[in-house]
Structure formats: structure tokens, C-alpha cells
C-alpha atoms as a PDB file:
ATOM      1  CA  MET A   1      24.811   9.215  -4.621  1.00  0.00           C
ATOM      2  CA  LYS A   2      28.173   7.938  -6.175  1.00  0.00           C
ATOM      3  CA  VAL A   3      29.081   4.134  -5.391  1.00  0.00           C
ATOM      4  CA  GLU A   4      32.032   5.039  -3.232  1.00  0.00           C
ATOM      5  CA  ASP A   5      30.099   6.811  -1.051  1.00  0.00           C
ATOM      6  CA  ALA A   6      27.229   4.311  -0.589  1.00  0.00           C
ATOM      7  CA  VAL A   7      29.361   1.791   0.047  1.00  0.00           C
ATOM      8  CA  ARG A   8      31.437   3.641   2.457  1.00  0.00           C
ATOM      9  CA  LEU A   9      28.486   4.400   4.383  1.00  0.00           C
ATOM     10  CA  TRP A  10      27.218   1.061   4.025  1.00  0.00           C
ATOM     11  CA  ARG A  11      30.294  -0.304   5.809  1.00  0.00           C
ATOM     12  CA  GLU A  12      30.227   2.326   8.383  1.00  0.00           C
ATOM     13  CA  MET A  13      26.911   2.771   9.181  1.00  0.00           C
ATOM     14  CA  ILE A  14      24.175  -0.153   7.601  1.00  0.00           C
ATOM     15  CA  LEU A  15      26.384  -3.316   8.650  1.00  0.00           C
ATOM     16  CA  PRO A  16      27.231  -2.434  12.180  1.00  0.00           C
ATOM     17  CA  ALA A  17      23.221  -1.808  12.605  1.00  0.00           C
ATOM     18  CA  LYS A  18      22.416  -5.144  10.976  1.00  0.00           C
ATOM     19  CA  LYS A  19      25.340  -7.109  13.182  1.00  0.00           C
ATOM     20  CA  LYS A  20      23.726  -5.201  16.071  1.00  0.00           C
ATOM     21  CA  PHE A  21      19.816  -5.435  15.679  1.00  0.00           C
ATOM     22  CA  GLY A  22      19.940  -8.644  13.619  1.00  0.00           C
ATOM     23  CA  PHE A  23      17.647  -7.407  11.249  1.00  0.00           C
ATOM     24  CA  ARG A  24      17.108  -8.391   7.341  1.00  0.00           C
ATOM     25  CA  LEU A  25      18.520  -5.798   5.053  1.00  0.00           C
ATOM     26  CA  GLY A  26      17.306  -4.686   1.907  1.00  0.00           C
ATOM     27  CA  SER A  27      19.883  -3.603  -0.938  1.00  0.00           C
ATOM     28  CA  PRO A  28      19.577   0.196  -1.843  1.00  0.00           C
ATOM     29  CA  GLY A  29      16.331   1.215  -3.698  1.00  0.00           C
ATOM     30  CA  MET A  30      16.804   1.048  -7.348  1.00  0.00           C
ATOM     31  CA  THR A  31      14.893   3.063  -9.831  1.00  0.00           C
ATOM     32  CA  SER A  32      13.188   1.615 -12.917  1.00  0.00           C
ATOM     33  CA  ASP A  33      15.692   3.303 -15.024  1.00  0.00           C
ATOM     34  CA  VAL A  34      17.636  -0.096 -16.112  1.00  0.00           C
ATOM     35  CA  SER A  35      20.333   1.787 -17.541  1.00  0.00           C
ATOM     36  CA  LYS A  36      21.304   3.868 -14.404  1.00  0.00           C
ATOM     37  CA  CYS A  37      20.451   1.499 -11.783  1.00  0.00           C
ATOM     38  CA  ARG A  38      21.842  -2.128 -13.082  1.00  0.00           C
ATOM     39  CA  PRO A  39      25.611  -0.246 -13.345  1.00  0.00           C
ATOM     40  CA  TRP A  40      25.194   1.441 -10.403  1.00  0.00           C
ATOM     41  CA  LEU A  41      23.907  -1.777  -8.415  1.00  0.00           C
ATOM     42  CA  ASP A  42      26.715  -3.767 -10.142  1.00  0.00           C
ATOM     43  CA  SER A  43      29.184  -1.454  -9.223  1.00  0.00           C
ATOM     44  CA  PHE A  44      27.977  -1.417  -5.658  1.00  0.00           C
ATOM     45  CA  PHE A  45      27.953  -5.237  -5.360  1.00  0.00           C
ATOM     46  CA  GLN A  46      31.470  -5.573  -6.668  1.00  0.00           C
ATOM     47  CA  GLN A  47      32.991  -2.589  -4.491  1.00  0.00           C
ATOM     48  CA  LEU A  48      31.283  -4.399  -1.366  1.00  0.00           C
ATOM     49  CA  GLY A  49      33.059  -7.986  -2.452  1.00  0.00           C
ATOM     50  CA  GLY A  50      31.652 -10.655  -0.298  1.00  0.00           C
ATOM     51  CA  ASP A  51      30.746  -8.233   2.654  1.00  0.00           C
ATOM     52  CA  ASP A  52      27.256  -7.227   1.488  1.00  0.00           C
ATOM     53  CA  GLU A  53      25.007  -8.966   3.629  1.00  0.00           C
ATOM     54  CA  ILE A  54      22.182  -8.377   1.578  1.00  0.00           C
ATOM     55  CA  ASP A  55      18.832  -9.986   2.147  1.00  0.00           C
ATOM     56  CA  PHE A  56      16.524  -8.888  -0.469  1.00  0.00           C
ATOM     57  CA  LEU A  57      16.566  -6.407  -3.359  1.00  0.00           C
ATOM     58  CA  VAL A  58      14.564  -3.163  -3.383  1.00  0.00           C
ATOM     59  CA  VAL A  59      13.289  -1.695  -6.238  1.00  0.00           C
ATOM     60  CA  HIS A  60      10.890   1.363  -7.501  1.00  0.00           C
ATOM     61  CA  TRP A  61       8.861   1.571 -10.445  1.00  0.00           C
ATOM     62  CA  TYR A  62       6.788   3.865 -12.464  1.00  0.00           C
ATOM     63  CA  GLY A  63       5.450   3.763 -15.918  1.00  0.00           C
ATOM     64  CA  PRO A  64       2.141   2.908 -17.583  1.00  0.00           C
ATOM     65  CA  LYS A  65       2.198  -0.504 -18.548  1.00  0.00           C
ATOM     66  CA  PHE A  66       2.177  -3.766 -16.540  1.00  0.00           C
ATOM     67  CA  GLN A  67       4.405  -5.654 -19.069  1.00  0.00           C
ATOM     68  CA  ASP A  68       7.330  -3.317 -18.739  1.00  0.00           C
ATOM     69  CA  PHE A  69       6.790  -3.522 -14.806  1.00  0.00           C
ATOM     70  CA  ARG A  70       6.530  -7.118 -14.837  1.00  0.00           C
ATOM     71  CA  ALA A  71       9.979  -7.701 -17.197  1.00  0.00           C
ATOM     72  CA  TYR A  72      11.687  -4.852 -15.022  1.00  0.00           C
ATOM     73  CA  VAL A  73      11.012  -7.009 -11.876  1.00  0.00           C
ATOM     74  CA  GLU A  74      11.940 -10.161 -13.297  1.00  0.00           C
ATOM     75  CA  ASP A  75      15.080  -8.812 -14.929  1.00  0.00           C
ATOM     76  CA  MET A  76      16.560  -7.314 -11.517  1.00  0.00           C
ATOM     77  CA  HIS A  77      15.624 -10.578  -9.488  1.00  0.00           C
ATOM     78  CA  ASN A  78      17.294 -12.668 -12.395  1.00  0.00           C
ATOM     79  CA  ALA A  79      20.423 -10.366 -12.297  1.00  0.00           C
ATOM     80  CA  TYR A  80      20.966 -10.446  -8.546  1.00  0.00           C
ATOM     81  CA  LYS A  81      18.945 -13.811  -7.416  1.00  0.00           C
ATOM     82  CA  LEU A  82      17.726 -12.295  -4.269  1.00  0.00           C
ATOM     83  CA  PRO A  83      13.877 -12.117  -3.082  1.00  0.00           C
ATOM     84  CA  VAL A  84      12.225  -8.692  -4.347  1.00  0.00           C
ATOM     85  CA  TRP A  85      10.574  -6.006  -2.484  1.00  0.00           C
ATOM     86  CA  VAL A  86       8.683  -3.346  -4.569  1.00  0.00           C
ATOM     87  CA  ASN A  87       8.699  -0.621  -2.282  1.00  0.00           C
ATOM     88  CA  GLU A  88       7.005   2.104  -4.555  1.00  0.00           C
ATOM     89  CA  PHE A  89       5.161   1.330  -7.843  1.00  0.00           C
ATOM     90  CA  ALA A  90       2.724   2.858  -9.769  1.00  0.00           C
ATOM     91  CA  CYS A  91       1.002   3.036 -13.358  1.00  0.00           C
ATOM     92  CA  SER A  92       2.168   6.854 -14.069  1.00  0.00           C
ATOM     93  CA  LYS A  93       3.000   8.379 -17.364  1.00  0.00           C
ATOM     94  CA  MET A  94       5.711  10.150 -15.423  1.00  0.00           C
ATOM     95  CA  GLY A  95       4.560  14.023 -16.138  1.00  0.00           C
ATOM     96  CA  ALA A  96       3.716  12.999 -19.915  1.00  0.00           C
ATOM     97  CA  GLY A  97      -0.195  13.354 -19.119  1.00  0.00           C
ATOM     98  CA  GLN A  98      -2.070  11.155 -16.412  1.00  0.00           C
ATOM     99  CA  ALA A  99      -3.161   7.687 -16.765  1.00  0.00           C
ATOM    100  CA  SER A 100      -6.833   7.417 -16.488  1.00  0.00           C
ATOM    101  CA  ALA A 101      -8.581   5.783 -13.749  1.00  0.00           C
ATOM    102  CA  ASP A 102      -9.631   2.703 -16.011  1.00  0.00           C
ATOM    103  CA  GLU A 103      -5.653   2.399 -16.979  1.00  0.00           C
ATOM    104  CA  VAL A 104      -4.552   2.635 -13.414  1.00  0.00           C
ATOM    105  CA  GLU A 105      -7.297   0.379 -12.393  1.00  0.00           C
ATOM    106  CA  ALA A 106      -6.346  -2.369 -15.115  1.00  0.00           C
ATOM    107  CA  PHE A 107      -2.805  -2.290 -14.334  1.00  0.00           C
ATOM    108  CA  ILE A 108      -3.215  -2.598 -10.471  1.00  0.00           C
ATOM    109  CA  LYS A 109      -5.347  -5.660 -11.130  1.00  0.00           C
ATOM    110  CA  GLU A 110      -2.843  -7.473 -13.391  1.00  0.00           C
ATOM    111  CA  ALA A 111       0.024  -6.195 -11.213  1.00  0.00           C
ATOM    112  CA  VAL A 112      -1.175  -7.109  -7.950  1.00  0.00           C
ATOM    113  CA  GLU A 113      -2.414 -10.730  -9.207  1.00  0.00           C
ATOM    114  CA  TRP A 114       1.137 -11.524 -10.579  1.00  0.00           C
ATOM    115  CA  LEU A 115       3.108 -10.026  -7.733  1.00  0.00           C
ATOM    116  CA  ASP A 116       0.850 -12.116  -5.305  1.00  0.00           C
ATOM    117  CA  GLN A 117       1.645 -15.170  -7.584  1.00  0.00           C
ATOM    118  CA  CYS A 118       5.499 -14.659  -7.579  1.00  0.00           C
ATOM    119  CA  GLU A 119       7.096 -16.534  -4.966  1.00  0.00           C
ATOM    120  CA  TRP A 120      10.288 -14.143  -4.641  1.00  0.00           C
ATOM    121  CA  VAL A 121       7.999 -10.908  -4.356  1.00  0.00           C
ATOM    122  CA  GLU A 122       8.511 -10.827  -0.810  1.00  0.00           C
ATOM    123  CA  ARG A 123       6.673  -7.279  -0.358  1.00  0.00           C
ATOM    124  CA  TYR A 124       4.978  -4.405  -2.342  1.00  0.00           C
ATOM    125  CA  ALA A 125       3.386  -1.233  -2.121  1.00  0.00           C
ATOM    126  CA  TYR A 126       1.556   0.697  -4.475  1.00  0.00           C
ATOM    127  CA  PHE A 127       2.264   4.308  -4.429  1.00  0.00           C
ATOM    128  CA  GLY A 128      -1.214   5.986  -4.052  1.00  0.00           C
ATOM    129  CA  ASN A 129      -1.492   7.249  -0.619  1.00  0.00           C
ATOM    130  CA  ALA A 130       1.174  10.061   0.197  1.00  0.00           C
ATOM    131  CA  GLN A 131       0.025   9.973   3.722  1.00  0.00           C
ATOM    132  CA  GLY A 132      -3.675  10.926   2.801  1.00  0.00           C
ATOM    133  CA  ARG A 133      -2.756  13.807   0.015  1.00  0.00           C
ATOM    134  CA  ASP A 134      -2.809  14.177  -3.770  1.00  0.00           C
ATOM    135  CA  VAL A 135       0.296  11.971  -4.857  1.00  0.00           C
ATOM    136  CA  GLY A 136       0.724  14.312  -7.578  1.00  0.00           C
ATOM    137  CA  GLU A 137       0.811  14.954 -11.214  1.00  0.00           C
ATOM    138  CA  TRP A 138       3.915  13.138 -11.881  1.00  0.00           C
ATOM    139  CA  VAL A 139       2.123   9.959 -10.669  1.00  0.00           C
ATOM    140  CA  GLY A 140      -1.354  11.041 -11.812  1.00  0.00           C
ATOM    141  CA  LYS A 141      -4.202  12.027  -9.624  1.00  0.00           C
ATOM    142  CA  SER A 142      -6.029   8.723 -10.711  1.00  0.00           C
ATOM    143  CA  SER A 143      -3.499   6.515  -8.651  1.00  0.00           C
ATOM    144  CA  ASN A 144      -4.901   8.381  -5.452  1.00  0.00           C
ATOM    145  CA  PHE A 145      -6.208   6.119  -2.897  1.00  0.00           C
ATOM    146  CA  THR A 146      -8.096   8.892  -0.904  1.00  0.00           C
ATOM    147  CA  GLU A 147     -10.347  12.050  -2.242  1.00  0.00           C
ATOM    148  CA  PRO A 148     -12.528  14.455  -0.451  1.00  0.00           C
ATOM    149  CA  ALA A 149     -15.743  12.776   1.225  1.00  0.00           C
ATOM    150  CA  GLU A 150     -18.591  14.783   0.168  1.00  0.00           C
ATOM    151  CA  GLY A 151     -20.092  16.482   3.147  1.00  0.00           C
ATOM    152  CA  SER A 152     -17.594  15.293   5.573  1.00  0.00           C
ATOM    153  CA  SER A 153     -15.820  17.140   7.759  1.00  0.00           C
ATOM    154  CA  SER A 154     -14.731  14.454  10.133  1.00  0.00           C
ATOM    155  CA  ALA A 155     -11.335  15.251  11.975  1.00  0.00           C
ATOM    156  CA  ARG A 156     -10.638  11.268  11.864  1.00  0.00           C
ATOM    157  CA  THR A 157     -10.540  10.952   8.353  1.00  0.00           C
ATOM    158  CA  ASP A 158      -9.347  14.336   7.565  1.00  0.00           C
ATOM    159  CA  GLY A 159     -12.295  14.877   5.624  1.00  0.00           C
ATOM    160  CA  ARG A 160     -11.008  12.261   2.886  1.00  0.00           C
ATOM    161  CA  THR A 161     -12.753   8.539   1.926  1.00  0.00           C
ATOM    162  CA  LEU A 162     -11.034   5.997  -0.106  1.00  0.00           C
ATOM    163  CA  SER A 163     -11.387   6.438  -3.958  1.00  0.00           C
ATOM    164  CA  ARG A 164     -12.228   3.991  -6.420  1.00  0.00           C
ATOM    165  CA  ILE A 165      -8.592   3.062  -6.719  1.00  0.00           C
ATOM    166  CA  GLY A 166      -7.904   3.138  -3.259  1.00  0.00           C
ATOM    167  CA  ASN A 167     -11.424   0.600  -2.642  1.00  0.00           C
ATOM    168  CA  LEU A 168      -9.822  -1.460  -5.485  1.00  0.00           C
ATOM    169  CA  TYR A 169      -6.455  -1.896  -4.203  1.00  0.00           C
ATOM    170  CA  CYS A 170      -7.452  -2.617  -0.567  1.00  0.00           C
ATOM    171  CA  GLN A 171     -10.212  -5.597  -2.375  1.00  0.00           C
ATOM    172  CA  CYS A 172      -7.197  -6.866  -4.248  1.00  0.00           C
END
């Protein structure tokens, strides 16, 4: 979406809803491509002027290395001085093959430990659920929180059970 369109809709729809209902307001969700997201968000904030009323920064991140994830989230926080919600993140090779379960496990352990200790990260959600379905090849099947349950046809679980990664994330 063009920044001008986002600003117009923000003023017409988002800010009136915030004022009416009194909720905290997150920024537009930003991708992990800093070369695109930072200029877009800089322009968005500039065009809003002092009328932004944004309470936290919303980011998404996909990639194979925890160090890159951490650097991106820290950069975004330092640039905008807002608390952060990481609404989506995953250990992903982004269509260039798939991360192994061991790679995903190591990534999740480092990421969750850091996120839990980071006082300015208010919320985070690993992208591994996909409403009980496969997250797909772009994210990578090793990130799936569920898998078919052997010998189960329970309607309550839709025949699925937590995967190794799903169990790990629940225990973190």
C-alpha cells in the first residue's frame, strides 16, 4: 500500500476507532526487509506529523538466523523508540530450502529466551500454527506446531497432535 493511502485510511478509520474505544494502537505491520520497511514507516510517521498516537511497533520477521532476527528487532526499536510486538516470526529459509527441525529448535530456544528477557518487547508469536494446518514450504514444515496424530481420528483434535516444535514452544 502506498504511504499516502495508509495515512489517509489511518486518519479516517484507525484514529477514530482508537478514540472511540480507547484501545492501544500498534503501527502498521512491518516486514523484515529493512530497505523497504524503514523508508515506508519513516514516511508514514512523517506524513502523520504529531497525530499518530501509536503505542507500539508491529513487526514481522522471517529468516534462518537468530542473530539477524535480534539485530532487526533491536534496530526497529532503536529507530522508533516504541515498545515492540513481534506478531509473526519464524526460522525460515524463505523458499530456498527448508530449515531442519534441529535448526528451528535452536532458533526458537535462543529467540524465546531473548524475547522474554527484553523489557521493551511486549508480545510475540512464532508462526507455527496456521490454524492447525501446515505452515507451508515458504516458512518450512519443520516450524509446524502440529502434525497428524497416529491412529487418532478425534474430532476434538482434528486428528492432529503437537509436533516436537509445538511442544518445545509450549514449554518455553
